[in-house]
C-alpha cells in the first residue's frame, strides 16, 4: 500500500497515464537495493505517468541497457566507488532522469536533452534514513523540477502537452533539431520520440562533452 507521503504527491500529480506493471522480477531484483516504499509504489501504480505525464516512475529493468550502455557509459559519481550502482527511478516528460544508489540515495541527475549531469551530495545512510529520504523526495516534488524552460526561461510542459498530446509510457518530448546542435527550445520544435532510441541519439551528440555540476 502507498503511504501518506505518496498520497500527498498524488494530490499534486494525479495518476493520469497507466504504464507497465511491476512484476515479481522487479520485487526480487530490487528489494534491498531501493527503499521498500518505492517497491510499494511500483506495485500499486506500475511504471506510470503522473500529472498528465510530466513525471514517470521508471522501470529499472526496461532501462538497464539505456542506463549502463548509453547514459552512464562514461559517468561515475566522483565520491562513489567503481562498484556503485545507479538505478533510474523517476524521470520527466523531457527525459531528465534521477538515479538512486543503494546505501546513499539520490546520486545523479542526468538531462540528456541539454547534455548535463548533476552529481548530488551523497552520504552513506541507514536503511531507515534512506526510506525517509525517498518519501521526502516525493512529498517535496515540485512541477518546476520536472518542467523544461524554453528560450525565454518559461516552463513548457503545459504548452507542449496541448501541442502534442499525451505521452505513452515509452515516449518523451524532444526537440528537432536537438538543442546541442543549435536547435531552439520552442514549442514548435517539439516532437514525440521513442525514449530509448532518442536517448541513444542524444548521447551520440553529447560525445565526451557533458556539462557537469555538483
N, C-alpha and C. Protein backbone atom coordinates (compact mmCIF):
# COMPACT_ATOMS: atom_id res chain seq x y z
N UNK A 1 0.84 -1.20 0.00
CA UNK A 1 0.00 0.00 0.00
C UNK A 1 0.87 1.25 0.00
N UNK A 2 0.47 2.27 -0.78
CA UNK A 2 1.20 3.53 -0.75
C UNK A 2 0.94 4.23 0.58
N UNK A 3 1.85 5.10 0.95
CA UNK A 3 1.81 5.77 2.24
C UNK A 3 1.29 7.19 2.09
N UNK A 4 1.21 7.89 3.21
CA UNK A 4 0.66 9.25 3.18
C UNK A 4 1.57 10.20 2.40
N UNK A 5 2.85 9.89 2.32
CA UNK A 5 3.76 10.74 1.56
C UNK A 5 3.45 10.67 0.07
N UNK A 6 3.24 9.45 -0.43
CA UNK A 6 2.91 9.33 -1.84
C UNK A 6 1.49 9.80 -2.12
N UNK A 7 0.61 9.62 -1.17
CA UNK A 7 -0.75 10.14 -1.34
C UNK A 7 -0.72 11.66 -1.49
N UNK A 8 0.17 12.31 -0.75
CA UNK A 8 0.31 13.76 -0.89
C UNK A 8 0.86 14.10 -2.26
N UNK A 9 1.86 13.35 -2.72
CA UNK A 9 2.38 13.53 -4.08
C UNK A 9 1.25 13.45 -5.10
N UNK A 10 0.34 12.49 -4.91
CA UNK A 10 -0.77 12.31 -5.85
C UNK A 10 -1.75 13.47 -5.85
N UNK A 11 -1.83 14.21 -4.75
CA UNK A 11 -2.71 15.38 -4.75
C UNK A 11 -2.18 16.45 -5.70
N UNK A 12 -0.88 16.47 -5.90
CA UNK A 12 -0.26 17.44 -6.81
C UNK A 12 -0.12 16.89 -8.23
N UNK A 13 0.15 15.59 -8.31
CA UNK A 13 0.41 14.96 -9.61
C UNK A 13 -0.39 13.65 -9.69
N UNK A 14 -1.67 13.74 -10.02
CA UNK A 14 -2.50 12.53 -10.07
C UNK A 14 -2.02 11.53 -11.12
N UNK A 15 -2.29 10.27 -10.86
CA UNK A 15 -2.02 9.23 -11.86
C UNK A 15 -2.91 9.49 -13.08
N UNK A 16 -2.29 9.67 -14.23
CA UNK A 16 -3.07 10.00 -15.42
C UNK A 16 -2.81 9.07 -16.60
N UNK A 17 -1.62 8.45 -16.67
CA UNK A 17 -1.30 7.59 -17.80
C UNK A 17 -0.76 6.27 -17.27
N UNK A 18 -1.61 5.25 -17.17
CA UNK A 18 -1.14 3.95 -16.66
C UNK A 18 -0.02 3.39 -17.53
N UNK A 19 1.00 2.87 -16.86
CA UNK A 19 2.13 2.27 -17.58
C UNK A 19 2.19 0.78 -17.37
N UNK A 20 3.35 0.20 -17.61
CA UNK A 20 3.53 -1.23 -17.44
C UNK A 20 3.50 -1.60 -15.96
N UNK A 21 3.22 -2.86 -15.69
CA UNK A 21 3.04 -3.31 -14.31
C UNK A 21 4.36 -3.77 -13.69
N UNK A 22 4.41 -3.66 -12.37
CA UNK A 22 5.50 -4.23 -11.59
C UNK A 22 5.32 -5.74 -11.52
N UNK A 23 6.41 -6.49 -11.69
CA UNK A 23 6.35 -7.95 -11.67
C UNK A 23 7.15 -8.50 -10.49
N UNK A 24 7.05 -9.80 -10.30
CA UNK A 24 7.85 -10.45 -9.26
C UNK A 24 9.34 -10.26 -9.52
N UNK A 25 9.71 -10.15 -10.78
CA UNK A 25 11.12 -9.94 -11.12
C UNK A 25 11.62 -8.60 -10.57
N UNK A 26 10.79 -7.59 -10.65
CA UNK A 26 11.17 -6.29 -10.08
C UNK A 26 11.32 -6.39 -8.57
N UNK A 27 10.37 -7.03 -7.93
CA UNK A 27 10.40 -7.14 -6.46
C UNK A 27 11.63 -7.92 -6.01
N UNK A 28 11.87 -9.07 -6.63
CA UNK A 28 13.02 -9.89 -6.26
C UNK A 28 14.34 -9.18 -6.56
N UNK A 29 14.39 -8.53 -7.70
CA UNK A 29 15.65 -7.94 -8.15
C UNK A 29 16.05 -6.68 -7.42
N UNK A 30 15.07 -5.94 -6.87
CA UNK A 30 15.39 -4.63 -6.31
C UNK A 30 15.10 -4.49 -4.82
N UNK A 31 14.52 -5.50 -4.20
CA UNK A 31 14.37 -5.46 -2.75
C UNK A 31 15.76 -5.44 -2.11
N UNK A 32 15.99 -4.49 -1.24
CA UNK A 32 17.29 -4.32 -0.63
C UNK A 32 18.18 -3.33 -1.35
N UNK A 33 17.85 -3.01 -2.60
CA UNK A 33 18.62 -2.03 -3.37
C UNK A 33 17.95 -0.66 -3.35
N UNK A 34 16.64 -0.65 -3.39
CA UNK A 34 15.88 0.60 -3.28
C UNK A 34 15.00 0.51 -2.04
N UNK A 35 14.54 1.63 -1.51
CA UNK A 35 13.68 1.59 -0.33
C UNK A 35 12.41 0.77 -0.56
N UNK A 36 11.93 0.16 0.50
CA UNK A 36 10.71 -0.65 0.40
C UNK A 36 9.53 0.17 -0.09
N UNK A 37 9.50 1.45 0.27
CA UNK A 37 8.37 2.28 -0.15
C UNK A 37 8.32 2.40 -1.67
N UNK A 38 9.48 2.47 -2.34
CA UNK A 38 9.48 2.59 -3.79
C UNK A 38 8.91 1.33 -4.43
N UNK A 39 9.27 0.18 -3.91
CA UNK A 39 8.71 -1.06 -4.44
C UNK A 39 7.20 -1.09 -4.23
N UNK A 40 6.74 -0.57 -3.11
CA UNK A 40 5.29 -0.48 -2.88
C UNK A 40 4.63 0.43 -3.91
N UNK A 41 5.28 1.54 -4.25
CA UNK A 41 4.72 2.44 -5.27
C UNK A 41 4.65 1.72 -6.62
N UNK A 42 5.70 0.97 -6.94
CA UNK A 42 5.68 0.19 -8.19
C UNK A 42 4.51 -0.79 -8.20
N UNK A 43 4.32 -1.47 -7.08
CA UNK A 43 3.25 -2.48 -7.02
C UNK A 43 1.87 -1.85 -7.12
N UNK A 44 1.71 -0.68 -6.53
CA UNK A 44 0.40 -0.02 -6.54
C UNK A 44 0.10 0.69 -7.86
N UNK A 45 1.12 1.28 -8.48
CA UNK A 45 0.87 2.17 -9.61
C UNK A 45 1.59 1.77 -10.89
N UNK A 46 2.46 0.77 -10.83
CA UNK A 46 3.22 0.42 -12.01
C UNK A 46 4.18 1.53 -12.39
N UNK A 47 4.67 1.45 -13.61
CA UNK A 47 5.62 2.45 -14.10
C UNK A 47 4.84 3.44 -14.96
N UNK A 48 4.10 4.29 -14.26
CA UNK A 48 3.07 5.12 -14.88
C UNK A 48 3.45 6.59 -14.91
N UNK A 49 2.59 7.36 -15.59
CA UNK A 49 2.79 8.80 -15.69
C UNK A 49 1.84 9.55 -14.77
N UNK A 50 2.35 10.60 -14.17
CA UNK A 50 1.60 11.40 -13.21
C UNK A 50 1.59 12.86 -13.65
N UNK A 51 0.52 13.56 -13.29
CA UNK A 51 0.44 14.97 -13.67
C UNK A 51 0.42 15.15 -15.17
N UNK A 52 -0.45 14.40 -15.86
CA UNK A 52 -0.55 14.43 -17.33
C UNK A 52 0.72 13.93 -18.02
N UNK A 53 1.53 13.16 -17.29
CA UNK A 53 2.75 12.60 -17.88
C UNK A 53 3.97 13.47 -17.71
N UNK A 54 3.89 14.49 -16.87
CA UNK A 54 5.08 15.28 -16.56
C UNK A 54 6.11 14.43 -15.84
N UNK A 55 5.64 13.54 -14.95
CA UNK A 55 6.50 12.72 -14.10
C UNK A 55 6.18 11.25 -14.33
N UNK A 56 7.23 10.43 -14.42
CA UNK A 56 7.06 8.99 -14.64
C UNK A 56 7.90 8.19 -13.67
N UNK A 57 7.31 7.17 -13.06
CA UNK A 57 8.10 6.17 -12.36
C UNK A 57 8.82 5.33 -13.42
N UNK A 58 10.09 5.07 -13.20
CA UNK A 58 10.92 4.39 -14.20
C UNK A 58 11.07 2.91 -13.87
N UNK A 59 10.94 2.08 -14.89
CA UNK A 59 11.17 0.64 -14.78
C UNK A 59 12.67 0.39 -14.94
N UNK A 60 13.38 0.04 -13.87
CA UNK A 60 14.83 -0.11 -13.98
C UNK A 60 15.27 -1.29 -14.83
N UNK A 61 14.41 -2.29 -14.97
CA UNK A 61 14.75 -3.42 -15.85
C UNK A 61 14.68 -2.98 -17.30
N UNK A 62 13.60 -2.32 -17.67
CA UNK A 62 13.47 -1.81 -19.04
C UNK A 62 14.60 -0.84 -19.38
N UNK A 63 15.05 -0.08 -18.38
CA UNK A 63 16.06 0.96 -18.60
C UNK A 63 17.48 0.47 -18.42
N UNK A 64 17.71 -0.81 -18.17
CA UNK A 64 19.05 -1.28 -17.82
C UNK A 64 20.07 -1.00 -18.92
N UNK A 65 19.75 -1.33 -20.15
CA UNK A 65 20.69 -1.10 -21.25
C UNK A 65 20.91 0.39 -21.46
N UNK A 66 19.83 1.16 -21.47
CA UNK A 66 19.96 2.61 -21.65
C UNK A 66 20.80 3.23 -20.54
N UNK A 67 20.64 2.75 -19.31
CA UNK A 67 21.43 3.27 -18.20
C UNK A 67 22.90 2.92 -18.34
N UNK A 68 23.20 1.65 -18.52
CA UNK A 68 24.58 1.18 -18.44
C UNK A 68 25.39 1.41 -19.71
N UNK A 69 24.75 1.33 -20.86
CA UNK A 69 25.49 1.38 -22.12
C UNK A 69 25.35 2.70 -22.86
N UNK A 70 24.38 3.52 -22.46
CA UNK A 70 24.15 4.77 -23.18
C UNK A 70 24.36 5.97 -22.27
N UNK A 71 23.51 6.14 -21.27
CA UNK A 71 23.58 7.35 -20.46
C UNK A 71 24.81 7.39 -19.57
N UNK A 72 25.08 6.30 -18.86
CA UNK A 72 26.14 6.31 -17.85
C UNK A 72 27.35 5.50 -18.29
N UNK A 73 27.57 5.37 -19.57
CA UNK A 73 28.71 4.58 -20.04
C UNK A 73 30.04 5.18 -19.62
N UNK A 74 30.09 6.50 -19.44
CA UNK A 74 31.34 7.16 -19.01
C UNK A 74 31.16 7.97 -17.73
N UNK A 75 29.98 7.93 -17.13
CA UNK A 75 29.70 8.76 -15.96
C UNK A 75 29.78 7.93 -14.69
N UNK A 76 30.58 8.40 -13.74
CA UNK A 76 30.64 7.81 -12.40
C UNK A 76 30.66 8.96 -11.39
N UNK A 77 29.94 8.78 -10.31
CA UNK A 77 29.95 9.81 -9.27
C UNK A 77 31.36 9.88 -8.67
N UNK A 78 31.95 11.08 -8.60
CA UNK A 78 33.34 11.19 -8.14
C UNK A 78 33.56 10.80 -6.69
N UNK A 79 32.50 10.74 -5.90
CA UNK A 79 32.66 10.39 -4.48
C UNK A 79 32.12 9.00 -4.15
N UNK A 80 31.86 8.23 -5.19
CA UNK A 80 31.42 6.84 -5.00
C UNK A 80 32.39 5.89 -5.69
N UNK A 81 32.44 4.67 -5.23
CA UNK A 81 33.36 3.69 -5.80
C UNK A 81 32.96 3.22 -7.17
N UNK A 82 33.88 2.50 -7.81
CA UNK A 82 33.62 2.00 -9.16
C UNK A 82 32.49 0.97 -9.18
N UNK A 83 32.22 0.36 -8.03
CA UNK A 83 31.18 -0.66 -7.97
C UNK A 83 29.81 -0.09 -7.60
N UNK A 84 29.69 1.23 -7.50
CA UNK A 84 28.41 1.85 -7.15
C UNK A 84 27.37 1.55 -8.23
N UNK A 85 26.15 1.33 -7.80
CA UNK A 85 25.05 1.09 -8.72
C UNK A 85 24.22 2.36 -8.89
N UNK A 86 23.69 2.53 -10.09
CA UNK A 86 22.86 3.69 -10.39
C UNK A 86 21.54 3.17 -10.96
N UNK A 87 20.49 3.32 -10.19
CA UNK A 87 19.19 2.76 -10.55
C UNK A 87 18.24 3.91 -10.90
N UNK A 88 17.80 4.01 -12.16
CA UNK A 88 16.86 5.07 -12.51
C UNK A 88 15.51 4.81 -11.85
N UNK A 89 14.95 5.84 -11.22
CA UNK A 89 13.67 5.60 -10.54
C UNK A 89 12.58 6.60 -10.89
N UNK A 90 12.94 7.72 -11.48
CA UNK A 90 11.92 8.70 -11.85
C UNK A 90 12.48 9.55 -12.99
N UNK A 91 11.59 10.01 -13.88
CA UNK A 91 12.02 10.84 -15.00
C UNK A 91 10.96 11.87 -15.32
N UNK A 92 11.37 12.84 -16.12
CA UNK A 92 10.43 13.85 -16.59
C UNK A 92 9.96 13.52 -17.99
N UNK A 93 8.95 14.25 -18.45
CA UNK A 93 8.44 14.08 -19.81
C UNK A 93 9.49 14.42 -20.85
N UNK A 94 10.50 15.20 -20.47
CA UNK A 94 11.54 15.62 -21.40
C UNK A 94 12.81 14.78 -21.27
N UNK A 95 12.76 13.72 -20.47
CA UNK A 95 13.88 12.79 -20.41
C UNK A 95 14.92 13.08 -19.35
N UNK A 96 14.64 13.95 -18.41
CA UNK A 96 15.54 14.16 -17.27
C UNK A 96 15.34 12.99 -16.31
N UNK A 97 16.44 12.36 -15.88
CA UNK A 97 16.36 11.12 -15.12
C UNK A 97 17.11 11.25 -13.80
N UNK A 98 16.47 10.77 -12.73
CA UNK A 98 17.07 10.74 -11.40
C UNK A 98 17.49 9.31 -11.09
N UNK A 99 18.70 9.15 -10.51
CA UNK A 99 19.25 7.83 -10.22
C UNK A 99 19.46 7.65 -8.71
N UNK A 100 19.19 6.43 -8.27
CA UNK A 100 19.33 6.05 -6.86
C UNK A 100 20.52 5.10 -6.72
N UNK A 101 21.39 5.37 -5.75
CA UNK A 101 22.50 4.47 -5.45
C UNK A 101 22.26 3.80 -4.11
N UNK A 102 22.21 2.46 -4.08
CA UNK A 102 21.98 1.75 -2.82
C UNK A 102 22.98 2.18 -1.74
N UNK A 103 22.44 2.45 -0.56
CA UNK A 103 23.26 2.87 0.56
C UNK A 103 23.49 4.36 0.64
N UNK A 104 23.17 5.10 -0.44
CA UNK A 104 23.47 6.53 -0.48
C UNK A 104 22.27 7.41 -0.86
N UNK A 105 21.36 6.90 -1.64
CA UNK A 105 20.20 7.69 -2.04
C UNK A 105 20.34 8.27 -3.43
N UNK A 106 19.70 9.41 -3.66
CA UNK A 106 19.72 10.05 -4.98
C UNK A 106 21.14 10.55 -5.25
N UNK A 107 21.76 10.02 -6.28
CA UNK A 107 23.17 10.31 -6.53
C UNK A 107 23.42 11.13 -7.79
N UNK A 108 22.65 10.89 -8.82
CA UNK A 108 22.85 11.55 -10.11
C UNK A 108 21.53 12.06 -10.67
N UNK A 109 21.62 13.18 -11.37
CA UNK A 109 20.50 13.65 -12.19
C UNK A 109 21.07 13.93 -13.58
N UNK A 110 20.53 13.26 -14.57
CA UNK A 110 21.05 13.38 -15.93
C UNK A 110 19.97 13.97 -16.83
N UNK A 111 20.35 14.97 -17.61
CA UNK A 111 19.40 15.63 -18.53
C UNK A 111 19.99 15.59 -19.94
N UNK A 112 19.77 14.52 -20.67
CA UNK A 112 20.41 14.35 -21.97
C UNK A 112 20.07 15.43 -22.99
N UNK A 113 18.86 15.99 -22.92
CA UNK A 113 18.49 17.00 -23.92
C UNK A 113 19.42 18.20 -23.86
N UNK A 114 19.93 18.51 -22.67
CA UNK A 114 20.90 19.60 -22.53
C UNK A 114 22.34 19.07 -22.44
N UNK A 115 22.47 17.76 -22.30
CA UNK A 115 23.80 17.18 -22.16
C UNK A 115 24.43 17.48 -20.81
N UNK A 116 23.62 17.48 -19.76
CA UNK A 116 24.12 17.86 -18.44
C UNK A 116 23.96 16.73 -17.44
N UNK A 117 24.87 16.69 -16.47
CA UNK A 117 24.80 15.74 -15.37
C UNK A 117 25.10 16.48 -14.08
N UNK A 118 24.29 16.20 -13.07
CA UNK A 118 24.47 16.84 -11.76
C UNK A 118 24.78 15.76 -10.74
N UNK A 119 25.92 15.90 -10.07
CA UNK A 119 26.30 14.97 -9.01
C UNK A 119 25.75 15.48 -7.69
N UNK A 120 24.84 14.73 -7.10
CA UNK A 120 24.27 15.10 -5.82
C UNK A 120 25.27 14.82 -4.70
N UNK A 121 25.18 15.59 -3.62
CA UNK A 121 25.96 15.30 -2.42
C UNK A 121 25.47 13.99 -1.83
N UNK A 122 26.39 13.08 -1.56
CA UNK A 122 25.99 11.76 -1.07
C UNK A 122 26.68 11.44 0.25
N UNK A 123 25.94 10.76 1.12
CA UNK A 123 26.45 10.29 2.40
C UNK A 123 25.89 8.90 2.64
N UNK A 124 26.75 8.00 3.07
CA UNK A 124 26.26 6.65 3.37
C UNK A 124 25.25 6.72 4.51
N UNK A 125 24.11 6.08 4.33
CA UNK A 125 22.99 6.23 5.26
C UNK A 125 22.38 4.88 5.60
N UNK A 126 21.64 4.86 6.71
CA UNK A 126 20.96 3.65 7.14
C UNK A 126 19.73 3.39 6.27
N UNK A 127 19.22 2.18 6.34
CA UNK A 127 18.02 1.82 5.60
C UNK A 127 16.86 2.73 5.98
N UNK A 128 16.72 3.01 7.27
CA UNK A 128 15.62 3.86 7.74
C UNK A 128 15.75 5.28 7.20
N UNK A 129 16.97 5.81 7.21
CA UNK A 129 17.18 7.16 6.70
C UNK A 129 16.91 7.23 5.20
N UNK A 130 17.29 6.20 4.48
CA UNK A 130 17.06 6.20 3.04
C UNK A 130 15.58 6.08 2.71
N UNK A 131 14.86 5.34 3.53
CA UNK A 131 13.40 5.26 3.37
C UNK A 131 12.79 6.64 3.53
N UNK A 132 13.22 7.34 4.57
CA UNK A 132 12.72 8.70 4.82
C UNK A 132 13.11 9.63 3.68
N UNK A 133 14.35 9.49 3.18
CA UNK A 133 14.84 10.35 2.11
C UNK A 133 13.97 10.24 0.87
N UNK A 134 13.62 9.02 0.50
CA UNK A 134 12.82 8.84 -0.71
C UNK A 134 11.40 9.36 -0.52
N UNK A 135 10.83 9.11 0.64
CA UNK A 135 9.49 9.65 0.90
C UNK A 135 9.51 11.18 0.84
N UNK A 136 10.57 11.78 1.40
CA UNK A 136 10.69 13.24 1.38
C UNK A 136 10.86 13.75 -0.05
N UNK A 137 11.54 12.97 -0.89
CA UNK A 137 11.69 13.35 -2.29
C UNK A 137 10.32 13.52 -2.95
N UNK A 138 9.44 12.57 -2.71
CA UNK A 138 8.12 12.64 -3.33
C UNK A 138 7.24 13.73 -2.72
N UNK A 139 7.28 13.89 -1.42
CA UNK A 139 6.45 14.94 -0.81
C UNK A 139 6.94 16.33 -1.23
N UNK A 140 8.24 16.46 -1.45
CA UNK A 140 8.80 17.76 -1.81
C UNK A 140 8.83 18.05 -3.29
N UNK A 141 8.37 17.12 -4.10
CA UNK A 141 8.43 17.30 -5.55
C UNK A 141 7.59 18.49 -5.99
N UNK A 142 8.20 19.32 -6.85
CA UNK A 142 7.51 20.48 -7.41
C UNK A 142 7.55 20.42 -8.94
N UNK A 143 6.57 21.02 -9.55
CA UNK A 143 6.46 20.96 -11.00
C UNK A 143 7.70 21.51 -11.70
N UNK A 144 8.29 22.56 -11.13
CA UNK A 144 9.42 23.20 -11.79
C UNK A 144 10.63 22.28 -11.89
N UNK A 145 10.75 21.29 -11.00
CA UNK A 145 11.85 20.33 -11.07
C UNK A 145 11.79 19.50 -12.34
N UNK A 146 10.58 19.26 -12.83
CA UNK A 146 10.38 18.33 -13.93
C UNK A 146 10.02 19.03 -15.24
N UNK A 147 9.66 20.29 -15.16
CA UNK A 147 9.31 21.03 -16.36
C UNK A 147 10.59 21.39 -17.12
N UNK A 148 10.43 21.96 -18.29
CA UNK A 148 11.57 22.35 -19.11
C UNK A 148 11.37 23.80 -19.50
N UNK A 149 12.43 24.60 -19.41
CA UNK A 149 12.33 26.02 -19.71
C UNK A 149 12.67 26.29 -21.17
N UNK A 150 11.85 27.11 -21.80
CA UNK A 150 12.11 27.47 -23.19
C UNK A 150 13.18 28.56 -23.27
N UNK A 151 13.41 29.06 -24.45
CA UNK A 151 14.49 30.04 -24.62
C UNK A 151 14.19 31.36 -23.93
N UNK A 152 12.95 31.57 -23.54
CA UNK A 152 12.58 32.76 -22.76
C UNK A 152 12.53 32.46 -21.27
N UNK A 153 13.02 31.27 -20.88
CA UNK A 153 13.04 30.83 -19.49
C UNK A 153 11.63 30.65 -18.91
N UNK A 154 10.70 30.27 -19.78
CA UNK A 154 9.34 29.99 -19.36
C UNK A 154 9.07 28.48 -19.43
N UNK A 155 8.35 27.92 -18.45
CA UNK A 155 8.07 26.48 -18.46
C UNK A 155 7.24 26.08 -19.68
N UNK A 156 7.57 24.90 -20.22
CA UNK A 156 7.00 24.48 -21.49
C UNK A 156 5.96 23.37 -21.40
N UNK A 157 5.94 22.59 -20.32
CA UNK A 157 5.21 21.33 -20.36
C UNK A 157 3.75 21.49 -20.77
N UNK A 158 3.03 22.39 -20.14
CA UNK A 158 1.60 22.51 -20.44
C UNK A 158 1.36 22.84 -21.90
N UNK A 159 2.20 23.68 -22.47
CA UNK A 159 2.04 24.07 -23.87
C UNK A 159 2.40 22.92 -24.81
N UNK A 160 3.45 22.16 -24.45
CA UNK A 160 3.83 21.01 -25.28
C UNK A 160 2.76 19.92 -25.19
N UNK A 161 2.22 19.71 -24.01
CA UNK A 161 1.14 18.73 -23.84
C UNK A 161 -0.05 19.09 -24.72
N UNK A 162 -0.39 20.35 -24.76
CA UNK A 162 -1.50 20.80 -25.61
C UNK A 162 -1.16 20.65 -27.09
N UNK A 163 0.11 20.87 -27.42
CA UNK A 163 0.57 20.82 -28.81
C UNK A 163 0.65 19.39 -29.34
N UNK A 164 1.17 18.46 -28.52
CA UNK A 164 1.46 17.10 -28.99
C UNK A 164 0.55 16.03 -28.42
N UNK A 165 -0.14 16.36 -27.33
CA UNK A 165 -0.96 15.35 -26.67
C UNK A 165 -0.17 14.56 -25.66
N UNK A 166 -0.83 13.55 -25.10
CA UNK A 166 -0.24 12.78 -24.01
C UNK A 166 0.84 11.82 -24.52
N UNK A 167 1.81 11.56 -23.64
CA UNK A 167 2.85 10.58 -23.92
C UNK A 167 2.35 9.16 -23.64
N UNK A 168 2.94 8.20 -24.31
CA UNK A 168 2.85 6.80 -23.92
C UNK A 168 4.01 6.50 -22.98
N UNK A 169 3.99 5.34 -22.32
CA UNK A 169 5.00 5.05 -21.30
C UNK A 169 6.41 5.01 -21.86
N UNK A 170 6.56 4.74 -23.16
CA UNK A 170 7.89 4.62 -23.75
C UNK A 170 8.23 5.80 -24.65
N UNK A 171 7.62 6.95 -24.39
CA UNK A 171 7.87 8.15 -25.20
C UNK A 171 8.35 9.30 -24.32
N UNK A 172 8.92 10.30 -25.00
CA UNK A 172 9.25 11.56 -24.35
C UNK A 172 9.04 12.69 -25.35
N UNK A 173 9.02 13.91 -24.82
CA UNK A 173 9.01 15.09 -25.67
C UNK A 173 10.47 15.48 -25.95
N UNK A 174 10.79 15.64 -27.22
CA UNK A 174 12.14 16.05 -27.59
C UNK A 174 12.10 17.17 -28.61
N UNK A 175 13.28 17.62 -28.99
CA UNK A 175 13.42 18.74 -29.91
C UNK A 175 14.11 18.30 -31.19
N UNK A 176 13.64 18.82 -32.31
CA UNK A 176 14.29 18.58 -33.59
C UNK A 176 14.30 19.90 -34.37
N UNK A 177 15.52 20.39 -34.67
CA UNK A 177 16.82 19.82 -34.33
C UNK A 177 17.11 19.89 -32.83
N UNK A 178 18.02 19.05 -32.37
CA UNK A 178 18.38 19.00 -30.96
C UNK A 178 19.04 20.27 -30.48
N UNK A 179 18.90 20.54 -29.19
CA UNK A 179 19.44 21.78 -28.63
C UNK A 179 20.96 21.83 -28.71
N UNK A 180 21.62 20.68 -28.58
CA UNK A 180 23.08 20.68 -28.60
C UNK A 180 23.66 20.89 -30.00
N UNK A 181 22.81 20.85 -31.01
CA UNK A 181 23.30 21.13 -32.37
C UNK A 181 22.64 22.38 -32.93
N UNK A 182 22.22 23.26 -32.04
CA UNK A 182 21.71 24.56 -32.46
C UNK A 182 20.22 24.71 -32.54
N UNK A 183 19.47 23.69 -32.15
CA UNK A 183 18.02 23.79 -32.16
C UNK A 183 17.50 24.75 -31.11
N UNK A 184 16.26 25.15 -31.27
CA UNK A 184 15.66 26.13 -30.36
C UNK A 184 14.69 25.45 -29.40
N UNK A 185 14.70 25.91 -28.16
CA UNK A 185 13.77 25.40 -27.15
C UNK A 185 12.45 26.15 -27.28
N UNK A 186 11.68 25.76 -28.29
CA UNK A 186 10.38 26.36 -28.55
C UNK A 186 9.37 25.23 -28.76
N UNK A 187 8.12 25.52 -28.49
CA UNK A 187 7.08 24.50 -28.61
C UNK A 187 7.01 23.95 -30.03
N UNK A 188 7.17 24.81 -31.00
CA UNK A 188 7.03 24.39 -32.40
C UNK A 188 8.10 23.38 -32.82
N UNK A 189 9.19 23.30 -32.07
CA UNK A 189 10.28 22.37 -32.40
C UNK A 189 10.17 21.05 -31.65
N UNK A 190 9.11 20.86 -30.86
CA UNK A 190 8.99 19.63 -30.08
C UNK A 190 8.29 18.54 -30.88
N UNK A 191 8.68 17.29 -30.57
CA UNK A 191 8.11 16.12 -31.24
C UNK A 191 8.04 14.98 -30.23
N UNK A 192 7.23 13.98 -30.54
CA UNK A 192 7.18 12.75 -29.75
C UNK A 192 8.25 11.79 -30.26
N UNK A 193 9.04 11.24 -29.34
CA UNK A 193 10.07 10.27 -29.71
C UNK A 193 9.98 9.03 -28.84
N UNK A 194 10.38 7.89 -29.41
CA UNK A 194 10.56 6.68 -28.60
C UNK A 194 11.76 6.94 -27.69
N UNK A 195 11.57 6.74 -26.39
CA UNK A 195 12.52 7.29 -25.44
C UNK A 195 13.91 6.68 -25.53
N UNK A 196 14.02 5.37 -25.67
CA UNK A 196 15.35 4.76 -25.66
C UNK A 196 16.12 5.06 -26.95
N UNK A 197 15.42 5.10 -28.07
CA UNK A 197 16.06 5.48 -29.33
C UNK A 197 16.56 6.91 -29.25
N UNK A 198 15.73 7.79 -28.70
CA UNK A 198 16.11 9.20 -28.64
C UNK A 198 17.25 9.42 -27.65
N UNK A 199 17.26 8.68 -26.54
CA UNK A 199 18.37 8.79 -25.59
C UNK A 199 19.69 8.42 -26.26
N UNK A 200 19.67 7.38 -27.07
CA UNK A 200 20.88 6.97 -27.78
C UNK A 200 21.34 8.04 -28.76
N UNK A 201 20.39 8.67 -29.44
CA UNK A 201 20.72 9.75 -30.37
C UNK A 201 21.33 10.93 -29.63
N UNK A 202 20.70 11.33 -28.53
CA UNK A 202 21.22 12.45 -27.76
C UNK A 202 22.62 12.15 -27.23
N UNK A 203 22.81 10.91 -26.77
CA UNK A 203 24.13 10.53 -26.24
C UNK A 203 25.19 10.61 -27.32
N UNK A 204 24.87 10.25 -28.55
CA UNK A 204 25.85 10.31 -29.64
C UNK A 204 26.25 11.74 -29.95
N UNK A 205 25.32 12.66 -29.75
CA UNK A 205 25.61 14.08 -29.98
C UNK A 205 26.49 14.63 -28.86
N UNK A 206 26.23 14.21 -27.63
CA UNK A 206 26.99 14.71 -26.47
C UNK A 206 28.45 14.28 -26.55
N UNK A 207 28.71 13.04 -26.98
CA UNK A 207 30.08 12.54 -27.00
C UNK A 207 30.68 12.56 -25.61
N UNK A 208 31.87 13.14 -25.50
CA UNK A 208 32.54 13.27 -24.20
C UNK A 208 32.32 14.64 -23.58
N UNK A 209 31.37 15.38 -24.09
CA UNK A 209 31.23 16.78 -23.69
C UNK A 209 29.96 17.01 -22.86
N UNK A 210 29.88 16.32 -21.73
CA UNK A 210 28.81 16.57 -20.78
C UNK A 210 29.06 17.89 -20.06
N UNK A 211 28.00 18.61 -19.74
CA UNK A 211 28.10 19.73 -18.81
C UNK A 211 27.93 19.16 -17.42
N UNK A 212 28.91 19.37 -16.56
CA UNK A 212 28.92 18.73 -15.24
C UNK A 212 28.74 19.77 -14.15
N UNK A 213 27.89 19.44 -13.16
CA UNK A 213 27.70 20.30 -11.99
C UNK A 213 27.65 19.42 -10.75
N UNK A 214 27.85 20.05 -9.60
CA UNK A 214 27.78 19.31 -8.35
C UNK A 214 29.12 18.80 -7.89
